[in-house]
Protein backbone atom coordinates (compact mmCIF):
# COMPACT_ATOMS: atom_id res chain seq x y z
CA MET A 1 -4.69 -24.15 -9.63
CA ILE A 2 -6.18 -21.09 -10.72
CA GLU A 3 -7.77 -21.37 -13.95
CA SER A 4 -5.83 -18.78 -16.52
CA ARG A 5 -8.81 -16.43 -17.45
CA LEU A 6 -8.92 -15.66 -13.47
CA ILE A 7 -5.17 -14.92 -13.76
CA ALA A 8 -5.93 -12.44 -16.90
CA GLN A 9 -8.59 -11.07 -14.87
CA LEU A 10 -6.13 -10.33 -11.68
CA LYS A 11 -3.35 -8.73 -14.12
CA GLN A 12 -6.23 -6.44 -15.63
CA THR A 13 -6.59 -5.39 -12.04
CA VAL A 14 -3.67 -4.39 -10.44
CA GLY A 15 -1.20 -4.67 -13.52
CA GLU A 16 0.64 -7.38 -15.16
CA GLU A 17 3.82 -6.70 -13.45
CA ALA A 18 2.21 -7.19 -10.02
CA VAL A 19 1.14 -10.73 -10.42
CA LEU A 20 3.43 -13.37 -10.14
CA THR A 21 3.41 -17.03 -11.27
CA VAL A 22 6.56 -18.52 -11.79
CA LYS A 23 6.97 -21.09 -9.70
CA GLU A 24 10.73 -19.67 -8.27
CA ASP A 25 8.53 -16.31 -7.32
CA LEU A 26 5.94 -18.65 -5.63
CA GLU A 27 8.31 -20.72 -3.56
CA THR A 28 9.39 -17.17 -2.08
CA TYR A 29 5.77 -16.59 -0.52
CA ALA A 30 5.43 -20.32 0.41
CA HIS A 31 7.34 -19.32 4.13
CA ASP A 32 7.31 -17.33 6.96
CA ALA A 33 10.16 -16.62 9.86
CA THR A 34 9.85 -20.51 10.92
CA ALA A 35 11.03 -23.71 9.72
CA THR A 36 7.91 -25.63 10.56
CA TRP A 37 5.25 -24.75 7.52
CA SER A 38 5.44 -24.54 3.59
CA HIS A 39 2.73 -24.76 0.97
CA ARG A 40 2.80 -22.45 -2.58
CA PRO A 41 0.37 -20.35 -3.25
CA ASP A 42 -1.33 -20.44 -7.05
CA VAL A 43 -0.62 -16.93 -7.55
CA VAL A 44 0.88 -13.97 -5.63
CA VAL A 45 -0.54 -10.14 -6.03
CA LEU A 46 0.79 -7.01 -4.93
CA PRO A 47 -1.99 -4.82 -5.10
CA THR A 48 -1.08 -0.45 -4.44
CA THR A 49 -4.53 0.47 -3.02
CA ALA A 50 -7.47 -0.29 -1.11
CA GLY A 51 -9.60 -0.58 -4.45
CA GLN A 52 -7.29 -2.95 -6.62
CA VAL A 53 -7.58 -4.60 -2.60
CA ALA A 54 -11.20 -4.73 -2.92
CA ARG A 55 -11.59 -6.05 -6.56
CA VAL A 56 -8.99 -9.00 -5.93
CA LEU A 57 -11.02 -10.03 -2.72
CA LYS A 58 -14.51 -9.53 -4.94
CA LEU A 59 -12.99 -12.11 -7.79
CA ALA A 60 -11.62 -14.24 -5.23
CA ASN A 61 -14.96 -14.48 -3.20
CA GLU A 62 -17.45 -14.81 -6.33
CA HIS A 63 -15.00 -17.78 -6.93
CA ARG A 64 -14.01 -19.56 -3.93
CA ILE A 65 -10.30 -18.76 -4.40
CA PRO A 66 -8.31 -18.49 -0.73
CA VAL A 67 -6.82 -15.60 0.09
CA THR A 68 -3.91 -15.42 2.42
CA THR A 69 -2.85 -11.70 3.11
CA ARG A 70 0.99 -11.59 3.77
CA GLY A 71 2.92 -8.35 5.03
CA GLY A 72 6.66 -8.75 5.73
CA GLY A 73 6.30 -12.56 6.28
CA THR A 74 8.36 -12.29 9.36
CA ASN A 75 5.42 -13.82 11.35
CA VAL A 76 6.66 -17.41 13.75
CA SER A 77 3.09 -19.10 13.93
CA GLY A 78 2.36 -19.93 10.04
CA GLY A 79 -0.02 -17.05 10.06
CA CYS A 80 0.83 -16.30 6.21
CA ILE A 81 1.76 -19.71 4.83
CA PRO A 82 -1.44 -20.48 2.18
CA VAL A 83 -1.79 -23.70 3.31
CA LYS A 84 -5.17 -24.03 1.00
CA GLY A 85 -3.03 -22.27 -2.01
CA GLY A 86 -5.37 -19.83 -3.77
CA ILE A 87 -4.14 -16.16 -3.55
CA VAL A 88 -1.52 -14.40 -1.64
CA LEU A 89 -2.32 -11.20 -1.28
CA SER A 90 0.96 -8.95 -0.55
CA THR A 91 0.64 -5.36 1.18
CA VAL A 92 4.11 -4.42 0.59
CA LYS A 93 3.77 -2.05 -1.80
CA MET A 94 1.43 -0.21 -0.08
CA ASP A 95 4.24 1.56 1.94
CA ARG A 96 3.10 5.18 2.05
CA ILE A 97 3.13 7.37 4.78
CA ILE A 98 0.55 9.54 4.51
CA GLU A 99 0.74 11.86 7.48
CA ILE A 100 2.42 12.43 10.44
CA SER A 101 0.94 15.50 12.78
CA LYS A 102 2.46 16.86 16.21
CA THR A 103 -0.22 18.53 17.02
CA ASN A 104 -2.79 15.46 16.89
CA LEU A 105 -0.37 12.87 17.77
CA THR A 106 -0.82 10.46 15.00
CA ALA A 107 0.21 8.87 11.91
CA ILE A 108 -2.01 7.91 9.02
CA VAL A 109 -0.05 5.03 7.15
CA GLU A 110 -0.70 2.06 4.58
CA ALA A 111 -0.58 -1.06 5.54
CA GLY A 112 2.70 -2.16 4.11
CA VAL A 113 4.59 0.37 6.00
CA VAL A 114 7.79 -1.34 7.16
CA LEU A 115 7.81 -0.65 11.12
CA GLN A 116 11.03 0.99 11.09
CA ASP A 117 10.44 3.65 8.82
CA LEU A 118 7.58 4.43 10.59
CA TYR A 119 9.82 4.79 13.92
CA ASN A 120 12.63 7.18 11.71
CA ALA A 121 9.79 9.49 10.40
CA CYS A 122 8.43 9.92 13.89
CA ALA A 123 11.69 9.88 15.60
CA ARG A 124 12.16 13.01 13.13
CA GLN A 125 9.27 14.77 15.01
CA GLY A 126 10.15 14.26 18.36
CA LEU A 127 7.57 11.57 18.14
CA PHE A 128 7.39 7.86 18.93
CA TYR A 129 5.37 4.78 18.32
CA PRO A 130 5.46 2.35 21.58
CA PRO A 131 4.55 -1.11 19.93
CA ASP A 132 8.37 -3.09 19.29
CA PRO A 133 7.96 -6.53 18.40
CA GLN A 134 11.52 -7.96 17.29
CA SER A 135 11.02 -7.88 13.90
CA PHE A 136 10.76 -4.08 13.46
CA LEU A 137 13.01 -3.83 10.91
CA GLY A 138 10.77 -6.30 8.56
CA CYS A 139 7.42 -6.67 9.64
CA THR A 140 4.41 -4.15 8.26
CA VAL A 141 1.90 -2.11 10.37
CA GLY A 142 -0.71 -4.46 8.80
CA GLY A 143 1.13 -6.94 10.01
CA THR A 144 1.32 -5.97 13.35
CA VAL A 145 -2.76 -4.49 13.42
CA ALA A 146 -3.72 -8.55 12.32
CA GLU A 147 -1.30 -10.21 15.10
CA ASN A 148 -1.67 -7.42 17.87
CA SER A 149 1.54 -7.22 18.10
CA GLY A 150 3.61 -6.25 21.51
CA GLY A 151 7.17 -6.48 22.37
CA PRO A 152 9.42 -5.34 25.66
CA ARG A 153 7.87 -2.11 25.64
CA CYS A 154 4.59 -3.17 25.96
CA LEU A 155 4.82 -3.80 29.74
CA LYS A 156 4.43 0.17 30.30
CA TYR A 157 2.73 1.15 27.15
CA GLY A 158 0.70 -1.43 25.91
CA VAL A 159 -0.02 -3.82 22.67
CA THR A 160 -0.58 -2.89 19.13
CA LYS A 161 -4.58 -2.52 19.91
CA GLN A 162 -4.29 0.73 22.51
CA TYR A 163 -2.32 2.53 19.51
CA ILE A 164 -5.09 2.01 16.45
CA LEU A 165 -7.31 4.84 16.44
CA GLY A 166 -8.88 3.73 12.90
CA LEU A 167 -8.74 1.54 10.31
CA GLU A 168 -9.25 0.96 6.64
CA VAL A 169 -10.87 -3.10 5.98
CA VAL A 170 -11.49 -4.45 2.98
CA THR A 171 -13.94 -7.22 3.73
CA ALA A 172 -13.91 -10.72 1.95
CA SER A 173 -17.16 -9.38 -0.36
CA GLY A 174 -14.65 -6.79 -1.73
CA GLU A 175 -16.36 -3.65 0.07
CA ILE A 176 -13.91 -1.11 1.77
CA MET A 177 -15.08 -0.17 5.47
CA ARG A 178 -13.75 2.82 7.49
CA LEU A 179 -13.73 2.13 10.91
CA GLY A 180 -12.89 5.00 13.62
CA GLY A 181 -10.88 8.13 13.00
CA LEU A 182 -8.73 10.86 14.08
CA VAL A 183 -10.02 10.84 17.67
CA PRO A 184 -8.91 9.33 19.94
CA LYS A 185 -12.64 9.65 22.19
CA ASN A 186 -14.77 8.04 19.60
CA ARG A 187 -18.05 6.47 21.29
CA MET A 188 -19.80 6.04 17.89
CA GLY A 189 -22.03 2.15 17.76
CA TYR A 190 -20.16 -0.91 18.65
CA GLU A 191 -16.99 -1.64 18.89
CA LEU A 192 -16.17 -2.90 15.08
CA MET A 193 -12.86 -1.91 14.67
CA THR A 194 -11.23 -4.04 17.73
CA LEU A 195 -12.52 -7.15 15.95
CA PHE A 196 -9.88 -7.21 13.82
CA ILE A 197 -7.16 -6.14 15.40
CA GLY A 198 -5.74 -9.39 16.47
CA SER A 199 -7.56 -11.21 13.63
CA GLU A 200 -5.12 -12.67 12.22
CA GLY A 201 -6.33 -12.17 8.43
CA THR A 202 -9.49 -14.44 9.12
CA LEU A 203 -11.76 -11.26 8.94
CA GLY A 204 -10.71 -8.29 6.38
CA VAL A 205 -7.57 -7.18 4.74
CA VAL A 206 -6.51 -4.13 6.76
CA THR A 207 -5.26 -1.60 4.09
CA ARG A 208 -4.63 1.70 6.24
CA ALA A 209 -4.71 2.43 9.90
CA VAL A 210 -4.55 5.99 12.02
CA LEU A 211 -2.03 5.33 15.03
CA ARG A 212 -1.61 7.07 17.81
CA LEU A 213 1.57 8.10 18.54
CA LEU A 214 3.49 9.53 22.33
CA PRO A 215 6.69 12.43 22.51
CA MET A 216 9.72 10.82 22.34
CA PRO A 217 10.77 10.22 26.23
CA GLU A 218 13.47 12.92 27.38
CA VAL A 219 16.01 9.95 28.87
CA GLN A 220 16.51 6.30 28.75
CA LYS A 221 18.25 4.03 31.57
CA THR A 222 19.43 0.45 31.23
CA MET A 223 20.30 -2.07 34.00
CA LEU A 224 21.65 -5.15 33.94
CA ALA A 225 20.60 -7.79 36.70
CA LEU A 226 21.85 -11.69 36.84
CA PHE A 227 20.57 -14.40 39.10
CA ASP A 228 21.94 -17.64 40.39
CA ASP A 229 18.17 -18.54 40.62
CA ILE A 230 14.99 -18.10 38.28
CA VAL A 231 12.96 -17.67 41.40
CA ALA A 232 14.89 -15.06 43.01
CA ALA A 233 14.77 -13.30 39.50
CA GLY A 234 10.97 -13.73 38.82
CA GLU A 235 10.13 -12.33 42.58
CA VAL A 236 12.67 -9.29 41.94
CA VAL A 237 10.28 -8.71 38.85
CA SER A 238 7.28 -8.76 41.23
CA ARG A 239 8.56 -6.66 43.44
CA ILE A 240 9.66 -3.77 40.96
CA ILE A 241 5.98 -3.70 39.41
CA ALA A 242 4.58 -3.74 43.19
CA SER A 243 6.57 -0.83 44.61
CA GLY A 244 5.36 1.62 41.55
CA VAL A 245 7.49 1.52 39.32
CA ILE A 246 6.59 0.07 36.00
CA PRO A 247 9.56 0.28 33.97
CA ALA A 248 8.94 0.27 30.13
CA LYS A 249 11.05 -2.64 29.51
CA ILE A 250 12.04 -5.83 31.72
CA GLU A 251 13.15 -9.01 29.80
CA TYR A 252 14.37 -12.20 30.64
CA VAL A 253 17.06 -14.55 29.13
CA ASP A 254 18.24 -17.80 30.56
CA ASN A 255 21.58 -19.48 31.03
CA TRP A 256 21.13 -21.24 27.77
CA VAL A 257 20.64 -18.12 25.77
CA LEU A 258 22.86 -15.96 27.77
CA ARG A 259 25.85 -18.27 26.90
CA ARG A 260 24.90 -18.46 23.14
CA ILE A 261 24.49 -14.73 23.12
CA GLU A 262 28.09 -14.20 24.51
CA GLN A 263 29.51 -16.56 22.09
CA LEU A 264 28.42 -14.70 19.52
CA MET A 265 28.30 -11.25 20.77
CA PRO A 266 31.20 -11.46 23.69
CA MET A 267 30.40 -8.83 26.32
CA GLY A 268 31.95 -10.41 29.23
CA LEU A 269 28.79 -11.89 31.07
CA PRO A 270 29.27 -14.75 33.69
CA GLN A 271 28.03 -17.98 31.80
CA ASP A 272 27.42 -19.28 35.06
CA ALA A 273 23.86 -17.18 35.59
CA ASP A 274 21.23 -18.98 35.90
CA ALA A 275 18.74 -15.72 34.60
CA LEU A 276 19.39 -12.02 33.54
CA LEU A 277 17.07 -9.44 33.85
CA LEU A 278 17.33 -6.43 31.20
CA LEU A 279 15.62 -3.56 32.52
CA GLN A 280 14.97 -0.05 31.22
CA CYS A 281 12.97 3.17 32.83
CA ASP A 282 12.18 6.18 30.50
CA GLY A 283 10.62 9.72 30.82
CA SER A 284 12.12 12.79 32.39
CA ALA A 285 15.85 12.97 33.67
CA GLU A 286 14.83 13.45 37.24
CA ALA A 287 11.99 10.57 37.20
CA VAL A 288 14.03 8.48 35.50
CA GLU A 289 17.32 8.44 38.08
CA ALA A 290 14.68 7.91 40.96
CA GLU A 291 12.98 4.81 39.34
CA ALA A 292 16.21 2.97 38.26
CA LYS A 293 17.63 3.79 41.68
CA LYS A 294 15.19 2.31 43.14
CA VAL A 295 14.90 -1.17 40.38
CA VAL A 296 18.58 -1.46 41.09
CA ALA A 297 18.06 -1.50 45.47
CA ILE A 298 15.09 -4.31 44.47
CA CYS A 299 17.31 -6.20 42.44
CA GLN A 300 20.15 -5.73 45.37
CA GLN A 301 17.09 -6.59 47.82
CA GLY A 302 16.31 -9.72 45.49
CA GLY A 303 19.42 -11.43 45.47
CA ALA A 304 21.45 -10.32 42.47
CA ARG A 305 24.79 -11.55 41.96
CA GLU A 306 25.68 -8.80 39.52
CA ILE A 307 24.30 -5.41 38.60
CA ARG A 308 25.67 -3.42 35.66
CA VAL A 309 24.44 0.46 34.46
CA PRO A 310 26.25 0.79 30.99
CA LYS A 311 28.39 3.77 30.97
CA ASP A 312 27.00 5.06 27.86
CA GLN A 313 23.92 4.72 25.48
CA ALA A 314 26.09 3.19 23.01
CA GLU A 315 26.97 0.31 25.64
CA ALA A 316 23.17 -0.11 26.36
CA ASP A 317 22.45 -0.23 23.10
CA LYS A 318 24.62 -3.39 22.70
CA LEU A 319 23.01 -5.27 25.27
CA TRP A 320 19.23 -4.20 23.54
CA ALA A 321 21.19 -5.73 20.30
CA ALA A 322 22.06 -8.90 21.97
CA ARG A 323 18.04 -9.01 23.42
CA SER A 324 17.02 -8.40 20.05
CA GLY A 325 19.52 -10.95 18.34
CA ALA A 326 18.29 -14.06 20.91
CA GLY A 327 16.18 -15.17 18.21
CA ALA A 328 18.88 -15.52 15.70
CA ALA A 329 21.09 -16.94 17.81
CA ILE A 330 18.57 -19.54 19.28
CA PHE A 331 17.92 -20.89 15.96
CA SER A 332 21.18 -20.69 14.52
CA ALA A 333 21.78 -23.41 16.56
CA ALA A 334 18.44 -25.72 15.16
CA HIS A 335 17.65 -26.97 11.82
CA THR A 336 14.45 -26.65 13.35
CA GLY A 337 12.53 -24.96 16.08
CA PHE A 338 8.66 -24.12 17.43
CA ILE A 339 9.01 -20.45 18.50
CA GLU A 340 6.36 -20.91 21.22
CA ASP A 341 4.76 -17.93 22.23
CA VAL A 342 2.45 -17.78 25.88
CA SER A 343 1.37 -15.17 29.18
CA VAL A 344 1.10 -16.50 32.05
CA PRO A 345 0.23 -14.13 35.52
CA ARG A 346 3.93 -12.53 36.35
CA ASP A 347 3.48 -14.35 39.79
CA LYS A 348 3.25 -17.46 37.44
CA ILE A 349 6.92 -17.26 35.02
CA ALA A 350 9.21 -18.77 37.28
CA GLU A 351 7.08 -21.63 37.37
CA LEU A 352 6.22 -21.72 34.09
CA ILE A 353 10.31 -21.83 33.28
CA ARG A 354 10.70 -24.71 35.72
CA LYS A 355 8.07 -26.68 34.21
CA CYS A 356 9.81 -25.80 30.62
CA ARG A 357 13.07 -27.43 32.12
CA GLU A 358 11.45 -30.67 33.34
CA ILE A 359 9.61 -30.92 30.11
CA ALA A 360 12.95 -30.41 28.17
CA GLN A 361 14.52 -33.22 30.08
CA LYS A 362 11.42 -35.69 30.05
CA TYR A 363 11.66 -35.27 26.06
CA ASP A 364 15.28 -34.81 25.52
CA VAL A 365 14.80 -31.59 23.94
CA CYS A 366 16.57 -28.47 24.10
CA VAL A 367 14.32 -25.62 25.23
CA PRO A 368 15.94 -22.18 26.07
CA VAL A 369 13.58 -19.12 27.25
CA VAL A 370 13.82 -15.75 26.85
CA GLY A 371 10.60 -13.44 27.19
CA HIS A 372 9.19 -10.19 28.58
CA ALA A 373 9.04 -10.62 31.81
CA GLY A 374 7.39 -7.67 32.67
CA ASP A 375 3.93 -8.97 31.58
CA GLY A 376 4.63 -12.01 31.87
CA ASN A 377 4.80 -12.84 27.56
CA VAL A 378 7.13 -15.66 28.10
CA HIS A 379 8.80 -17.26 24.88
CA PRO A 380 9.85 -21.04 25.60
CA ASN A 381 11.89 -22.30 22.17
CA VAL A 382 11.98 -26.07 21.15
CA LEU A 383 14.26 -26.85 19.15
CA THR A 384 14.80 -29.93 17.32
CA ASP A 385 14.93 -31.30 13.66
CA ASP A 386 12.14 -32.34 11.38
CA ARG A 387 14.64 -34.47 9.05
CA ASP A 388 14.52 -37.14 11.83
CA PRO A 389 11.15 -38.02 12.70
CA VAL A 390 11.82 -39.37 16.42
CA GLN A 391 12.78 -36.24 17.29
CA PHE A 392 10.47 -33.87 15.77
CA GLU A 393 7.79 -35.85 17.24
CA LYS A 394 9.22 -35.15 20.88
CA ALA A 395 9.31 -32.12 20.12
CA LYS A 396 5.90 -31.55 19.51
CA LYS A 397 4.42 -33.00 22.42
CA ALA A 398 7.04 -31.07 24.51
CA LYS A 399 5.46 -27.52 22.84
CA ASP A 400 1.89 -29.08 23.51
CA GLU A 401 2.63 -29.93 27.49
CA ILE A 402 4.16 -26.49 27.71
CA LEU A 403 0.73 -25.21 26.17
CA ALA A 404 -1.05 -27.19 28.43
CA THR A 405 0.91 -25.74 31.42
CA ALA A 406 0.07 -22.28 30.54
CA ILE A 407 -3.38 -22.37 30.29
CA GLU A 408 -2.96 -24.28 33.65
CA LEU A 409 -1.03 -21.73 35.20
CA GLY A 410 -4.24 -19.20 34.21
CA GLY A 411 -2.30 -18.22 30.93
CA ALA A 412 -2.83 -17.86 27.62
CA LEU A 413 -1.95 -19.46 24.18
CA SER A 414 -0.51 -16.51 22.72
CA GLY A 415 0.78 -13.24 23.89
CA GLU A 416 2.08 -11.82 20.56
CA HIS A 417 2.87 -13.98 17.97
CA GLY A 418 -0.94 -15.28 17.27
CA ILE A 419 -2.46 -18.69 16.54
CA GLY A 420 -1.86 -19.42 13.13
CA LEU A 421 -1.64 -22.79 12.36
CA ASP A 422 0.32 -23.58 15.79
CA LYS A 423 -1.73 -23.74 18.06
CA GLN A 424 -5.27 -24.35 16.73
CA HIS A 425 -5.79 -27.88 18.72
CA PHE A 426 -5.87 -26.13 21.94
CA MET A 427 -8.39 -23.07 21.11
CA PRO A 428 -11.44 -24.93 22.55
CA ARG A 429 -9.85 -25.69 25.26
CA ALA A 430 -8.22 -22.44 26.43
CA LEU A 431 -11.59 -20.33 25.39
CA ASP A 432 -14.96 -20.50 27.00
CA PRO A 433 -17.15 -22.60 24.79
CA ALA A 434 -19.83 -20.10 24.69
CA ALA A 435 -17.07 -17.39 23.63
CA PHE A 436 -15.42 -19.55 21.43
CA ALA A 437 -19.00 -20.22 19.46
CA LEU A 438 -19.56 -16.92 19.05
CA MET A 439 -16.24 -16.34 17.34
CA LYS A 440 -16.80 -18.77 14.71
CA GLN A 441 -20.06 -17.49 14.35
CA ILE A 442 -18.46 -13.55 13.71
CA LYS A 443 -15.87 -15.41 11.14
CA LYS A 444 -19.22 -16.98 9.02
CA LEU A 445 -20.76 -13.71 9.07
CA LEU A 446 -17.79 -11.85 7.55
CA ASP A 447 -16.42 -14.39 5.38
CA PRO A 448 -19.41 -16.97 4.69
CA ASN A 449 -17.40 -18.51 1.80
CA GLY A 450 -14.02 -18.93 3.78
CA ILE A 451 -11.85 -17.30 1.48
CA LEU A 452 -9.71 -15.40 4.11
CA ASN A 453 -6.63 -16.81 5.52
CA PRO A 454 -8.51 -20.85 5.44
CA GLY A 455 -7.12 -23.29 7.61
CA LYS A 456 -5.52 -20.69 10.42
CA LEU A 457 -6.91 -19.95 13.94
CA TRP A 458 -9.60 -22.20 13.88
CA PRO A 459 -8.34 -26.37 14.54
CA GLU A 460 -8.82 -28.38 11.43
CA ALA A 461 -6.53 -30.36 9.75
CA SER A 462 -3.13 -28.31 8.30
CA ASP A 463 -1.65 -29.59 5.05
CA GLY A 464 0.96 -27.11 5.09
CA GLN A 465 2.93 -29.02 8.39
CA ARG A 466 5.65 -31.01 7.49
């Protein structure tokens, strides 16, 4: 529990209405987008300026109070669960889009800006911000920086770190630090800014970002290819990339997910297809037409049983809406689930998916798979019910075996969701020992009292998991 005098100081800092202590309010901040972890904070603060954030952190650091930073709460790795109690620092009131410059192709935004709002503001000026995590309707810019978020478009355009020119970060001691700036080329000293991108709130609190934007592509073209064999689908992905065509998106959906989507959003898809690839090319009209023809030809040569090209943008939008809703479609079918996120080399995707099927059969659990096939980022989703201890234990074993398989195939524990509470015990196995030791030294240097998002990323017991 936090002493009442410290609560009073927090109210003086951010305003009484921006400090939440009622149990019902605190319960709202005890969860993220999973059903696996839950822990109430002692207090929630909602600052509106970097100065307020700095004063909150300085107070917390002096009194060794844990601080868990939270954006939209859409993350699926337990990253914003306050497993040590203390303060949840919510950035949602820091939601100003300060500037969008068509000349500089930049945006200056506060951490609490919702990604969809940023997309809309950019589109009005013929610009776009490429990172597109599937939680874009609710996630915040600060959260995407903390997780180094990706999404379907990162095949062609890259992930969040490629679009950060500058950051304003508040350190654990309450110092406001500005890194990078407005210019795309900046070689002054060490690349400190990149330390905070993907750090999952364990090194500092991002309060503002300078983002790199791109001109909106002239046209987009969507294609859907159905396969009777996941191996053939995987080989087609590799052939497309090898041909010199880099589509904006190549998404994979397995048979279970395909059937579930067709059940919830009927589109006349054959429910016996083993795999579905959803692809999109974008750019100039002439280039897109040429690339799309090449993609269709490669799919045909690779054994696609059927290829569909939507007749108009409305039909294409429906397909992408179905893909965006795949997560909800999956988890509405189970009480609990592990939303996994591993990356493997592109030529190992089919092998990973085959192994997921074997693991599902071994532990008698359901493991639907979707993913960003173009860059090898796959989401095996282990469905279970945490009210059944036996079944839940099977699911945890299946999840761990999938993670181990990804490492064995030369992959990574996470492509975009982060480590959070989900994969800490695999970190020593997945990282070079010297790199692992150095990371812990960096954490100690920047957060010597361990107040920032404690219980995350590093291997230690979590008291938040059910």
